[in-house]
Amino acid sequence: MATVLRRPAEERGQGDDPRDHCLAPDTPKQFDPVKVRTALREYAFNYKRRTNPEVPIPHEVRVILEWVQRNTLSMAAWE
C-alpha cells in the first residue's frame, strides 16, 4: 500500500508544502478525465510507445501531456 504524503488537515493551508496540492494544483477542466488517464497510461507511463519514432504521439495526447508537465510538481518537490 502506498504511503500518503499529505499532511493532516490542521497543518495544511499554509502554502509552504507542495504536497498540499497533491500532484497538480488544478484539475484539467478543459480535458475529459478519461482522455487524461488514457494519455498518461498509454503514453506518459509507456516508454516504448512514447519513444517509438514510427508512431508519433497524436496531437490531442501531446497537448494533454504538455498540460500535465506544466501543472505537476517535479520529483524534486518530494525530496
N, C-alpha and C. Protein backbone atom coordinates (compact mmCIF):
# COMPACT_ATOMS: atom_id res chain seq x y z
N MET A 1 0.83 -1.17 0.00
CA MET A 1 0.00 0.00 0.00
C MET A 1 0.89 1.24 0.00
N ALA A 2 0.51 2.24 -0.76
CA ALA A 2 1.30 3.46 -0.88
C ALA A 2 1.18 4.31 0.38
N THR A 3 2.22 5.03 0.69
CA THR A 3 2.22 5.94 1.81
C THR A 3 1.56 7.24 1.41
N VAL A 4 0.68 7.75 2.24
CA VAL A 4 0.02 9.02 1.98
C VAL A 4 0.99 10.13 2.36
N LEU A 5 1.21 11.06 1.45
CA LEU A 5 2.19 12.11 1.68
C LEU A 5 1.59 13.44 2.12
N ARG A 6 0.27 13.50 2.20
CA ARG A 6 -0.35 14.76 2.60
C ARG A 6 -0.27 14.94 4.11
N ARG A 7 -0.19 16.19 4.52
CA ARG A 7 -0.16 16.50 5.94
C ARG A 7 -1.57 16.48 6.50
N PRO A 8 -1.72 16.35 7.81
CA PRO A 8 -3.06 16.40 8.42
C PRO A 8 -3.74 17.73 8.10
N ALA A 9 -5.06 17.73 8.05
CA ALA A 9 -5.84 18.91 7.66
C ALA A 9 -5.49 20.14 8.49
N GLU A 10 -5.26 19.95 9.79
CA GLU A 10 -4.98 21.11 10.64
C GLU A 10 -3.63 21.76 10.34
N GLU A 11 -2.73 21.05 9.64
CA GLU A 11 -1.43 21.60 9.29
C GLU A 11 -1.39 22.16 7.88
N ARG A 12 -2.42 21.89 7.10
CA ARG A 12 -2.42 22.35 5.70
C ARG A 12 -2.89 23.78 5.59
N GLY A 13 -2.76 24.33 4.39
CA GLY A 13 -3.27 25.66 4.12
C GLY A 13 -2.26 26.77 4.30
N GLN A 14 -1.06 26.43 4.70
CA GLN A 14 -0.04 27.45 4.89
C GLN A 14 0.64 27.83 3.58
N GLY A 15 0.49 26.99 2.55
CA GLY A 15 1.08 27.29 1.25
C GLY A 15 2.56 26.99 1.16
N ASP A 16 3.12 26.37 2.20
CA ASP A 16 4.56 26.13 2.21
C ASP A 16 4.94 24.72 1.80
N ASP A 17 4.00 23.83 1.70
CA ASP A 17 4.32 22.44 1.39
C ASP A 17 3.69 22.06 0.06
N PRO A 18 4.49 21.75 -0.97
CA PRO A 18 3.93 21.43 -2.28
C PRO A 18 3.05 20.19 -2.26
N ARG A 19 3.21 19.33 -1.26
CA ARG A 19 2.38 18.12 -1.18
C ARG A 19 0.93 18.44 -0.88
N ASP A 20 0.65 19.66 -0.40
CA ASP A 20 -0.73 20.03 -0.13
C ASP A 20 -1.56 20.04 -1.40
N HIS A 21 -0.90 20.19 -2.53
CA HIS A 21 -1.61 20.23 -3.81
C HIS A 21 -1.61 18.88 -4.50
N CYS A 22 -1.11 17.87 -3.83
CA CYS A 22 -1.01 16.53 -4.40
C CYS A 22 -0.14 16.60 -5.65
N LEU A 23 -0.60 16.08 -6.78
CA LEU A 23 0.23 16.09 -7.98
C LEU A 23 -0.01 17.31 -8.84
N ALA A 24 -1.20 17.87 -8.82
CA ALA A 24 -1.48 19.05 -9.62
C ALA A 24 -2.37 19.98 -8.80
N PRO A 25 -2.07 21.28 -8.81
CA PRO A 25 -2.87 22.21 -8.03
C PRO A 25 -4.27 22.41 -8.62
N ASP A 26 -4.43 22.18 -9.91
CA ASP A 26 -5.72 22.36 -10.57
C ASP A 26 -6.07 21.08 -11.32
N THR A 27 -7.35 20.83 -11.46
CA THR A 27 -7.76 19.71 -12.30
C THR A 27 -7.91 20.22 -13.72
N PRO A 28 -7.59 19.40 -14.70
CA PRO A 28 -7.67 19.85 -16.10
C PRO A 28 -9.11 19.90 -16.60
N LYS A 29 -9.79 21.00 -16.34
CA LYS A 29 -11.20 21.13 -16.70
C LYS A 29 -11.42 21.17 -18.21
N GLN A 30 -10.39 21.52 -18.98
CA GLN A 30 -10.54 21.60 -20.42
C GLN A 30 -10.42 20.24 -21.09
N PHE A 31 -10.07 19.20 -20.32
CA PHE A 31 -9.89 17.86 -20.89
C PHE A 31 -10.86 16.88 -20.24
N ASP A 32 -11.30 15.92 -21.00
CA ASP A 32 -12.11 14.83 -20.48
C ASP A 32 -11.22 13.98 -19.57
N PRO A 33 -11.65 13.70 -18.34
CA PRO A 33 -10.82 12.92 -17.42
C PRO A 33 -10.39 11.56 -17.99
N VAL A 34 -11.25 10.93 -18.75
CA VAL A 34 -10.89 9.63 -19.35
C VAL A 34 -9.74 9.81 -20.34
N LYS A 35 -9.75 10.90 -21.09
CA LYS A 35 -8.67 11.15 -22.05
C LYS A 35 -7.35 11.45 -21.34
N VAL A 36 -7.42 12.11 -20.20
CA VAL A 36 -6.20 12.39 -19.43
C VAL A 36 -5.62 11.07 -18.91
N ARG A 37 -6.46 10.24 -18.32
CA ARG A 37 -5.97 8.95 -17.82
C ARG A 37 -5.41 8.09 -18.94
N THR A 38 -6.09 8.11 -20.09
CA THR A 38 -5.62 7.33 -21.23
C THR A 38 -4.27 7.84 -21.72
N ALA A 39 -4.11 9.15 -21.81
CA ALA A 39 -2.84 9.74 -22.26
C ALA A 39 -1.72 9.36 -21.30
N LEU A 40 -1.99 9.41 -20.02
CA LEU A 40 -0.97 9.04 -19.03
C LEU A 40 -0.63 7.56 -19.13
N ARG A 41 -1.64 6.73 -19.17
CA ARG A 41 -1.41 5.28 -19.19
C ARG A 41 -0.74 4.83 -20.48
N GLU A 42 -1.24 5.31 -21.62
CA GLU A 42 -0.77 4.79 -22.90
C GLU A 42 0.49 5.47 -23.43
N TYR A 43 0.80 6.66 -22.93
CA TYR A 43 1.98 7.36 -23.44
C TYR A 43 2.95 7.79 -22.34
N ALA A 44 2.50 8.52 -21.36
CA ALA A 44 3.42 9.03 -20.34
C ALA A 44 4.07 7.89 -19.55
N PHE A 45 3.30 6.86 -19.23
CA PHE A 45 3.83 5.75 -18.43
C PHE A 45 4.26 4.57 -19.30
N ASN A 46 4.26 4.72 -20.60
CA ASN A 46 4.60 3.63 -21.52
C ASN A 46 5.81 4.05 -22.36
N TYR A 47 6.99 3.73 -21.88
CA TYR A 47 8.22 4.19 -22.52
C TYR A 47 8.31 3.75 -23.98
N LYS A 48 8.02 2.49 -24.26
CA LYS A 48 8.15 2.00 -25.64
C LYS A 48 7.23 2.74 -26.60
N ARG A 49 6.02 2.97 -26.18
CA ARG A 49 5.07 3.68 -27.06
C ARG A 49 5.45 5.16 -27.19
N ARG A 50 5.88 5.75 -26.10
CA ARG A 50 6.21 7.18 -26.10
C ARG A 50 7.44 7.48 -26.97
N THR A 51 8.37 6.53 -27.05
CA THR A 51 9.62 6.78 -27.77
C THR A 51 9.69 6.10 -29.13
N ASN A 52 8.59 5.54 -29.61
CA ASN A 52 8.57 4.87 -30.91
C ASN A 52 8.54 5.91 -32.03
N PRO A 53 9.63 6.06 -32.80
CA PRO A 53 9.67 7.08 -33.85
C PRO A 53 8.74 6.76 -35.03
N GLU A 54 8.34 5.52 -35.17
CA GLU A 54 7.48 5.13 -36.28
C GLU A 54 6.02 5.52 -36.05
N VAL A 55 5.63 5.66 -34.79
CA VAL A 55 4.25 6.02 -34.47
C VAL A 55 4.28 7.26 -33.58
N PRO A 56 4.11 8.45 -34.16
CA PRO A 56 4.18 9.67 -33.35
C PRO A 56 2.99 9.77 -32.38
N ILE A 57 3.20 10.51 -31.32
CA ILE A 57 2.14 10.74 -30.34
C ILE A 57 1.10 11.65 -30.99
N PRO A 58 -0.19 11.27 -30.92
CA PRO A 58 -1.23 12.12 -31.50
C PRO A 58 -1.24 13.52 -30.89
N HIS A 59 -1.63 14.49 -31.68
CA HIS A 59 -1.62 15.89 -31.24
C HIS A 59 -2.44 16.08 -29.96
N GLU A 60 -3.65 15.52 -29.91
CA GLU A 60 -4.50 15.70 -28.73
C GLU A 60 -3.83 15.14 -27.47
N VAL A 61 -3.18 14.01 -27.60
CA VAL A 61 -2.46 13.41 -26.46
C VAL A 61 -1.28 14.29 -26.08
N ARG A 62 -0.55 14.81 -27.05
CA ARG A 62 0.59 15.67 -26.77
C ARG A 62 0.15 16.92 -26.00
N VAL A 63 -0.98 17.49 -26.38
CA VAL A 63 -1.50 18.69 -25.69
C VAL A 63 -1.81 18.36 -24.22
N ILE A 64 -2.43 17.23 -23.99
CA ILE A 64 -2.75 16.81 -22.62
C ILE A 64 -1.47 16.60 -21.82
N LEU A 65 -0.51 15.88 -22.39
CA LEU A 65 0.74 15.60 -21.66
C LEU A 65 1.53 16.87 -21.40
N GLU A 66 1.49 17.83 -22.31
CA GLU A 66 2.16 19.11 -22.07
C GLU A 66 1.51 19.85 -20.91
N TRP A 67 0.17 19.80 -20.82
CA TRP A 67 -0.54 20.43 -19.70
C TRP A 67 -0.11 19.76 -18.40
N VAL A 68 -0.09 18.43 -18.40
CA VAL A 68 0.30 17.68 -17.19
C VAL A 68 1.72 18.07 -16.77
N GLN A 69 2.62 18.15 -17.73
CA GLN A 69 4.01 18.50 -17.41
C GLN A 69 4.10 19.90 -16.81
N ARG A 70 3.35 20.85 -17.34
CA ARG A 70 3.38 22.22 -16.82
C ARG A 70 2.73 22.35 -15.45
N ASN A 71 1.79 21.48 -15.13
CA ASN A 71 0.95 21.67 -13.95
C ASN A 71 1.15 20.63 -12.85
N THR A 72 2.21 19.85 -12.92
CA THR A 72 2.50 18.91 -11.84
C THR A 72 3.86 19.23 -11.25
N LEU A 73 4.04 18.78 -10.04
CA LEU A 73 5.30 19.01 -9.36
C LEU A 73 6.39 18.09 -9.90
N SER A 74 7.61 18.57 -9.89
CA SER A 74 8.73 17.71 -10.24
C SER A 74 9.01 16.77 -9.08
N MET A 75 9.75 15.73 -9.33
CA MET A 75 10.10 14.79 -8.26
C MET A 75 10.95 15.46 -7.18
N ALA A 76 11.65 16.53 -7.53
CA ALA A 76 12.46 17.23 -6.55
C ALA A 76 11.60 17.80 -5.40
N ALA A 77 10.35 18.09 -5.67
CA ALA A 77 9.46 18.63 -4.62
C ALA A 77 9.17 17.60 -3.55
N TRP A 78 9.36 16.33 -3.86
CA TRP A 78 9.04 15.26 -2.92
C TRP A 78 10.25 14.84 -2.09
N GLU A 79 11.40 15.42 -2.36
CA GLU A 79 12.61 15.04 -1.61
C GLU A 79 12.72 15.77 -0.30
